[in-house]
């Protein structure tokens, strides 16, 4: 079987998440929070990143 490099990388990342209970729980929590409307728009995210001391490129 042949598979494109991007598809292969995505499959490997999926396997890594599914194999790590902590990552899987974090993913499930994120999905649950998103479905409950716990989201940020791009401006809110940029502000949160800035407050956390992370550089933000909003271009």
PDB file of N, CA and C in Angstrom:
ATOM      1  N   UNK A   1       0.846  -1.164   0.000  1.00  0.00           N
ATOM      2  CA  UNK A   1       0.000   0.000   0.000  1.00  0.00           C
ATOM      3  C   UNK A   1       0.893   1.230   0.000  1.00  0.00           C
ATOM      4  N   UNK A   2       0.506   2.214  -0.756  1.00  0.00           N
ATOM      5  CA  UNK A   2       1.208   3.491  -0.767  1.00  0.00           C
ATOM      6  C   UNK A   2       0.368   4.519  -0.032  1.00  0.00           C
ATOM      7  N   UNK A   3       1.066   5.380   0.694  1.00  0.00           N
ATOM      8  CA  UNK A   3       0.370   6.409   1.450  1.00  0.00           C
ATOM      9  C   UNK A   3       1.195   7.688   1.352  1.00  0.00           C
ATOM     10  N   UNK A   4       0.515   8.804   1.189  1.00  0.00           N
ATOM     11  CA  UNK A   4       1.209  10.078   1.127  1.00  0.00           C
ATOM     12  C   UNK A   4       1.867  10.397   2.467  1.00  0.00           C
ATOM     13  N   UNK A   5       2.944  11.175   2.412  1.00  0.00           N
ATOM     14  CA  UNK A   5       3.697  11.502   3.627  1.00  0.00           C
ATOM     15  C   UNK A   5       2.830  12.223   4.651  1.00  0.00           C
ATOM     16  N   UNK A   6       1.979  13.151   4.210  1.00  0.00           N
ATOM     17  CA  UNK A   6       1.110  13.882   5.150  1.00  0.00           C
ATOM     18  C   UNK A   6       0.122  12.942   5.825  1.00  0.00           C
ATOM     19  N   UNK A   7      -0.444  12.024   5.055  1.00  0.00           N
ATOM     20  CA  UNK A   7      -1.379  11.058   5.633  1.00  0.00           C
ATOM     21  C   UNK A   7      -0.676  10.147   6.630  1.00  0.00           C
ATOM     22  N   UNK A   8       0.539   9.727   6.283  1.00  0.00           N
ATOM     23  CA  UNK A   8       1.307   8.873   7.182  1.00  0.00           C
ATOM     24  C   UNK A   8       1.617   9.605   8.489  1.00  0.00           C
ATOM     25  N   UNK A   9       2.056  10.861   8.382  1.00  0.00           N
ATOM     26  CA  UNK A   9       2.355  11.650   9.581  1.00  0.00           C
ATOM     27  C   UNK A   9       1.114  11.824  10.449  1.00  0.00           C
ATOM     28  N   UNK A  10      -0.028  12.097   9.819  1.00  0.00           N
ATOM     29  CA  UNK A  10      -1.275  12.263  10.567  1.00  0.00           C
ATOM     30  C   UNK A  10      -1.660  10.967  11.270  1.00  0.00           C
ATOM     31  N   UNK A  11      -1.487   9.850  10.594  1.00  0.00           N
ATOM     32  CA  UNK A  11      -1.801   8.555  11.199  1.00  0.00           C
ATOM     33  C   UNK A  11      -0.904   8.299  12.409  1.00  0.00           C
ATOM     34  N   UNK A  12       0.388   8.605  12.282  1.00  0.00           N
ATOM     35  CA  UNK A  12       1.328   8.403  13.391  1.00  0.00           C
ATOM     36  C   UNK A  12       0.963   9.289  14.583  1.00  0.00           C
ATOM     37  N   UNK A  13       0.561  10.526  14.321  1.00  0.00           N
ATOM     38  CA  UNK A  13       0.162  11.419  15.405  1.00  0.00           C
ATOM     39  C   UNK A  13      -1.094  10.902  16.093  1.00  0.00           C
ATOM     40  N   UNK A  14      -2.040  10.394  15.320  1.00  0.00           N
ATOM     41  CA  UNK A  14      -3.262   9.829  15.894  1.00  0.00           C
ATOM     42  C   UNK A  14      -2.926   8.636  16.776  1.00  0.00           C
ATOM     43  N   UNK A  15      -2.065   7.777  16.308  1.00  0.00           N
ATOM     44  CA  UNK A  15      -1.659   6.613  17.105  1.00  0.00           C
ATOM     45  C   UNK A  15      -0.987   7.066  18.397  1.00  0.00           C
ATOM     46  N   UNK A  16      -0.145   8.098  18.314  1.00  0.00           N
ATOM     47  CA  UNK A  16       0.546   8.602  19.504  1.00  0.00           C
ATOM     48  C   UNK A  16      -0.453   9.117  20.536  1.00  0.00           C
ATOM     49  N   UNK A  17      -1.459   9.868  20.092  1.00  0.00           N
ATOM     50  CA  UNK A  17      -2.463  10.399  21.025  1.00  0.00           C
ATOM     51  C   UNK A  17      -3.280   9.262  21.626  1.00  0.00           C
ATOM     52  N   UNK A  18      -3.721   8.334  20.786  1.00  0.00           N
ATOM     53  CA  UNK A  18      -4.553   7.237  21.282  1.00  0.00           C
ATOM     54  C   UNK A  18      -3.779   6.300  22.207  1.00  0.00           C
ATOM     55  N   UNK A  19      -2.468   6.287  22.087  1.00  0.00           N
ATOM     56  CA  UNK A  19      -1.629   5.421  22.921  1.00  0.00           C
ATOM     57  C   UNK A  19      -1.247   6.065  24.241  1.00  0.00           C
ATOM     58  N   UNK A  20      -1.523   7.350  24.397  1.00  0.00           N
ATOM     59  CA  UNK A  20      -1.134   8.081  25.605  1.00  0.00           C
ATOM     60  C   UNK A  20      -2.402   8.486  26.361  1.00  0.00           C
ATOM     61  N   UNK A  21      -2.698   7.823  27.492  1.00  0.00           N
ATOM     62  CA  UNK A  21      -3.939   8.107  28.222  1.00  0.00           C
ATOM     63  C   UNK A  21      -4.100   9.580  28.615  1.00  0.00           C
ATOM     64  N   UNK A  22      -3.016  10.246  28.999  1.00  0.00           N
ATOM     65  CA  UNK A  22      -3.120  11.655  29.395  1.00  0.00           C
ATOM     66  C   UNK A  22      -3.470  12.529  28.194  1.00  0.00           C
ATOM     67  N   UNK A  23      -2.841  12.282  27.053  1.00  0.00           N
ATOM     68  CA  UNK A  23      -3.159  13.053  25.845  1.00  0.00           C
ATOM     69  C   UNK A  23      -4.593  12.787  25.392  1.00  0.00           C
ATOM     70  N   UNK A  24      -5.019  11.543  25.476  1.00  0.00           N
ATOM     71  CA  UNK A  24      -6.382  11.194  25.073  1.00  0.00           C
ATOM     72  C   UNK A  24      -7.401  11.889  25.972  1.00  0.00           C
ATOM     73  N   UNK A  25      -7.155  11.889  27.287  1.00  0.00           N
ATOM     74  CA  UNK A  25      -8.062  12.586  28.212  1.00  0.00           C
ATOM     75  C   UNK A  25      -8.101  14.088  27.915  1.00  0.00           C
ATOM     76  N   UNK A  26      -6.934  14.682  27.659  1.00  0.00           N
ATOM     77  CA  UNK A  26      -6.877  16.113  27.352  1.00  0.00           C
ATOM     78  C   UNK A  26      -7.656  16.416  26.074  1.00  0.00           C
ATOM     79  N   UNK A  27      -7.525  15.550  25.075  1.00  0.00           N
ATOM     80  CA  UNK A  27      -8.266  15.732  23.826  1.00  0.00           C
ATOM     81  C   UNK A  27      -9.775  15.636  24.070  1.00  0.00           C
ATOM     82  N   UNK A  28     -10.186  14.615  24.821  1.00  0.00           N
ATOM     83  CA  UNK A  28     -11.613  14.439  25.102  1.00  0.00           C
ATOM     84  C   UNK A  28     -12.166  15.622  25.891  1.00  0.00           C
ATOM     85  N   UNK A  29     -11.377  16.142  26.829  1.00  0.00           N
ATOM     86  CA  UNK A  29     -11.806  17.315  27.601  1.00  0.00           C
ATOM     87  C   UNK A  29     -11.962  18.523  26.681  1.00  0.00           C
ATOM     88  N   UNK A  30     -11.027  18.697  25.763  1.00  0.00           N
ATOM     89  CA  UNK A  30     -11.116  19.804  24.816  1.00  0.00           C
ATOM     90  C   UNK A  30     -12.344  19.702  23.927  1.00  0.00           C
ATOM     91  N   UNK A  31     -12.641  18.508  23.454  1.00  0.00           N
ATOM     92  CA  UNK A  31     -13.836  18.306  22.624  1.00  0.00           C
ATOM     93  C   UNK A  31     -15.087  18.630  23.436  1.00  0.00           C
ATOM     94  N   UNK A  32     -15.127  18.178  24.689  1.00  0.00           N
ATOM     95  CA  UNK A  32     -16.283  18.436  25.561  1.00  0.00           C
ATOM     96  C   UNK A  32     -16.437  19.942  25.803  1.00  0.00           C
ATOM     97  N   UNK A  33     -15.334  20.627  26.112  1.00  0.00           N
ATOM     98  CA  UNK A  33     -15.394  22.069  26.354  1.00  0.00           C
ATOM     99  C   UNK A  33     -15.860  22.810  25.104  1.00  0.00           C
ATOM    100  N   UNK A  34     -15.359  22.402  23.956  1.00  0.00           N
ATOM    101  CA  UNK A  34     -15.776  23.043  22.708  1.00  0.00           C
ATOM    102  C   UNK A  34     -17.272  22.869  22.479  1.00  0.00           C
ATOM    103  N   UNK A  35     -17.776  21.664  22.719  1.00  0.00           N
ATOM    104  CA  UNK A  35     -19.204  21.407  22.492  1.00  0.00           C
ATOM    105  C   UNK A  35     -20.082  22.193  23.464  1.00  0.00           C
ATOM    106  N   UNK A  36     -19.509  22.600  24.606  1.00  0.00           N
ATOM    107  CA  UNK A  36     -20.243  23.405  25.587  1.00  0.00           C
ATOM    108  C   UNK A  36     -20.082  24.904  25.336  1.00  0.00           C
ATOM    109  N   UNK A  37     -19.385  25.245  24.248  1.00  0.00           N
ATOM    110  CA  UNK A  37     -19.229  26.651  23.891  1.00  0.00           C
ATOM    111  C   UNK A  37     -18.048  27.333  24.559  1.00  0.00           C
ATOM    112  N   UNK A  38     -17.185  26.572  25.207  1.00  0.00           N
ATOM    113  CA  UNK A  38     -16.007  27.139  25.868  1.00  0.00           C
ATOM    114  C   UNK A  38     -14.916  27.340  24.818  1.00  0.00           C
ATOM    115  N   UNK A  39     -15.021  28.448  24.085  1.00  0.00           N
ATOM    116  CA  UNK A  39     -14.097  28.732  22.988  1.00  0.00           C
ATOM    117  C   UNK A  39     -13.627  30.178  23.069  1.00  0.00           C
ATOM    118  N   UNK A  40     -12.549  30.478  22.387  1.00  0.00           N
ATOM    119  CA  UNK A  40     -12.026  31.837  22.290  1.00  0.00           C
ATOM    120  C   UNK A  40     -11.985  32.230  20.820  1.00  0.00           C
ATOM    121  N   UNK A  41     -12.263  33.523  20.554  1.00  0.00           N
ATOM    122  CA  UNK A  41     -12.039  33.985  19.192  1.00  0.00           C
ATOM    123  C   UNK A  41     -10.561  34.329  19.058  1.00  0.00           C
ATOM    124  N   UNK A  42     -10.119  34.705  17.872  1.00  0.00           N
ATOM    125  CA  UNK A  42      -8.688  34.917  17.641  1.00  0.00           C
ATOM    126  C   UNK A  42      -8.125  36.043  18.494  1.00  0.00           C
ATOM    127  N   UNK A  43      -8.902  37.105  18.721  1.00  0.00           N
ATOM    128  CA  UNK A  43      -8.420  38.206  19.562  1.00  0.00           C
ATOM    129  C   UNK A  43      -8.272  37.763  21.016  1.00  0.00           C
ATOM    130  N   UNK A  44      -9.235  36.996  21.506  1.00  0.00           N
ATOM    131  CA  UNK A  44      -9.163  36.496  22.883  1.00  0.00           C
ATOM    132  C   UNK A  44      -7.989  35.536  23.051  1.00  0.00           C
ATOM    133  N   UNK A  45      -7.763  34.708  22.059  1.00  0.00           N
ATOM    134  CA  UNK A  45      -6.649  33.772  22.113  1.00  0.00           C
ATOM    135  C   UNK A  45      -5.318  34.520  22.108  1.00  0.00           C
ATOM    136  N   UNK A  46      -5.192  35.528  21.254  1.00  0.00           N
ATOM    137  CA  UNK A  46      -3.962  36.318  21.202  1.00  0.00           C
ATOM    138  C   UNK A  46      -3.705  36.988  22.545  1.00  0.00           C
ATOM    139  N   UNK A  47      -4.735  37.509  23.165  1.00  0.00           N
ATOM    140  CA  UNK A  47      -4.594  38.159  24.475  1.00  0.00           C
ATOM    141  C   UNK A  47      -4.181  37.140  25.540  1.00  0.00           C
ATOM    142  N   UNK A  48      -4.788  35.964  25.539  1.00  0.00           N
ATOM    143  CA  UNK A  48      -4.437  34.925  26.506  1.00  0.00           C
ATOM    144  C   UNK A  48      -2.990  34.475  26.316  1.00  0.00           C
ATOM    145  N   UNK A  49      -2.567  34.341  25.079  1.00  0.00           N
ATOM    146  CA  UNK A  49      -1.181  33.943  24.798  1.00  0.00           C
ATOM    147  C   UNK A  49      -0.218  35.036  25.275  1.00  0.00           C
ATOM    148  N   UNK A  50      -0.565  36.289  25.008  1.00  0.00           N
ATOM    149  CA  UNK A  50       0.279  37.412  25.427  1.00  0.00           C
ATOM    150  C   UNK A  50       0.391  37.442  26.946  1.00  0.00           C
ATOM    151  N   UNK A  51      -0.734  37.246  27.638  1.00  0.00           N
ATOM    152  CA  UNK A  51      -0.736  37.247  29.111  1.00  0.00           C
ATOM    153  C   UNK A  51       0.074  36.084  29.684  1.00  0.00           C
ATOM    154  N   UNK A  52       0.200  35.016  28.902  1.00  0.00           N
ATOM    155  CA  UNK A  52       0.976  33.859  29.347  1.00  0.00           C
ATOM    156  C   UNK A  52       2.459  34.000  28.987  1.00  0.00           C
ATOM    157  N   UNK A  53       2.821  35.143  28.387  1.00  0.00           N
ATOM    158  CA  UNK A  53       4.204  35.375  28.028  1.00  0.00           C
ATOM    159  C   UNK A  53       4.644  34.737  26.739  1.00  0.00           C
ATOM    160  N   UNK A  54       3.694  34.388  25.910  1.00  0.00           N
ATOM    161  CA  UNK A  54       4.001  33.775  24.616  1.00  0.00           C
ATOM    162  C   UNK A  54       3.935  34.831  23.535  1.00  0.00           C
ATOM    163  N   UNK A  55       4.822  34.759  22.563  1.00  0.00           N
ATOM    164  CA  UNK A  55       4.770  35.705  21.457  1.00  0.00           C
ATOM    165  C   UNK A  55       3.610  35.349  20.548  1.00  0.00           C
ATOM    166  N   UNK A  56       3.016  36.398  19.976  1.00  0.00           N
ATOM    167  CA  UNK A  56       1.841  36.193  19.133  1.00  0.00           C
ATOM    168  C   UNK A  56       2.049  36.956  17.839  1.00  0.00           C
ATOM    169  N   UNK A  57       1.921  36.254  16.712  1.00  0.00           N
ATOM    170  CA  UNK A  57       1.968  36.883  15.397  1.00  0.00           C
ATOM    171  C   UNK A  57       0.563  36.871  14.844  1.00  0.00           C
ATOM    172  N   UNK A  58      -0.088  38.021  14.812  1.00  0.00           N
ATOM    173  CA  UNK A  58      -1.493  38.088  14.395  1.00  0.00           C
ATOM    174  C   UNK A  58      -1.636  38.443  12.920  1.00  0.00           C
ATOM    175  N   UNK A  59      -0.566  38.379  12.166  1.00  0.00           N
ATOM    176  CA  UNK A  59      -0.636  38.707  10.725  1.00  0.00           C
ATOM    177  C   UNK A  59      -1.286  37.625   9.945  1.00  0.00           C
TER     178      UNK A  59
END
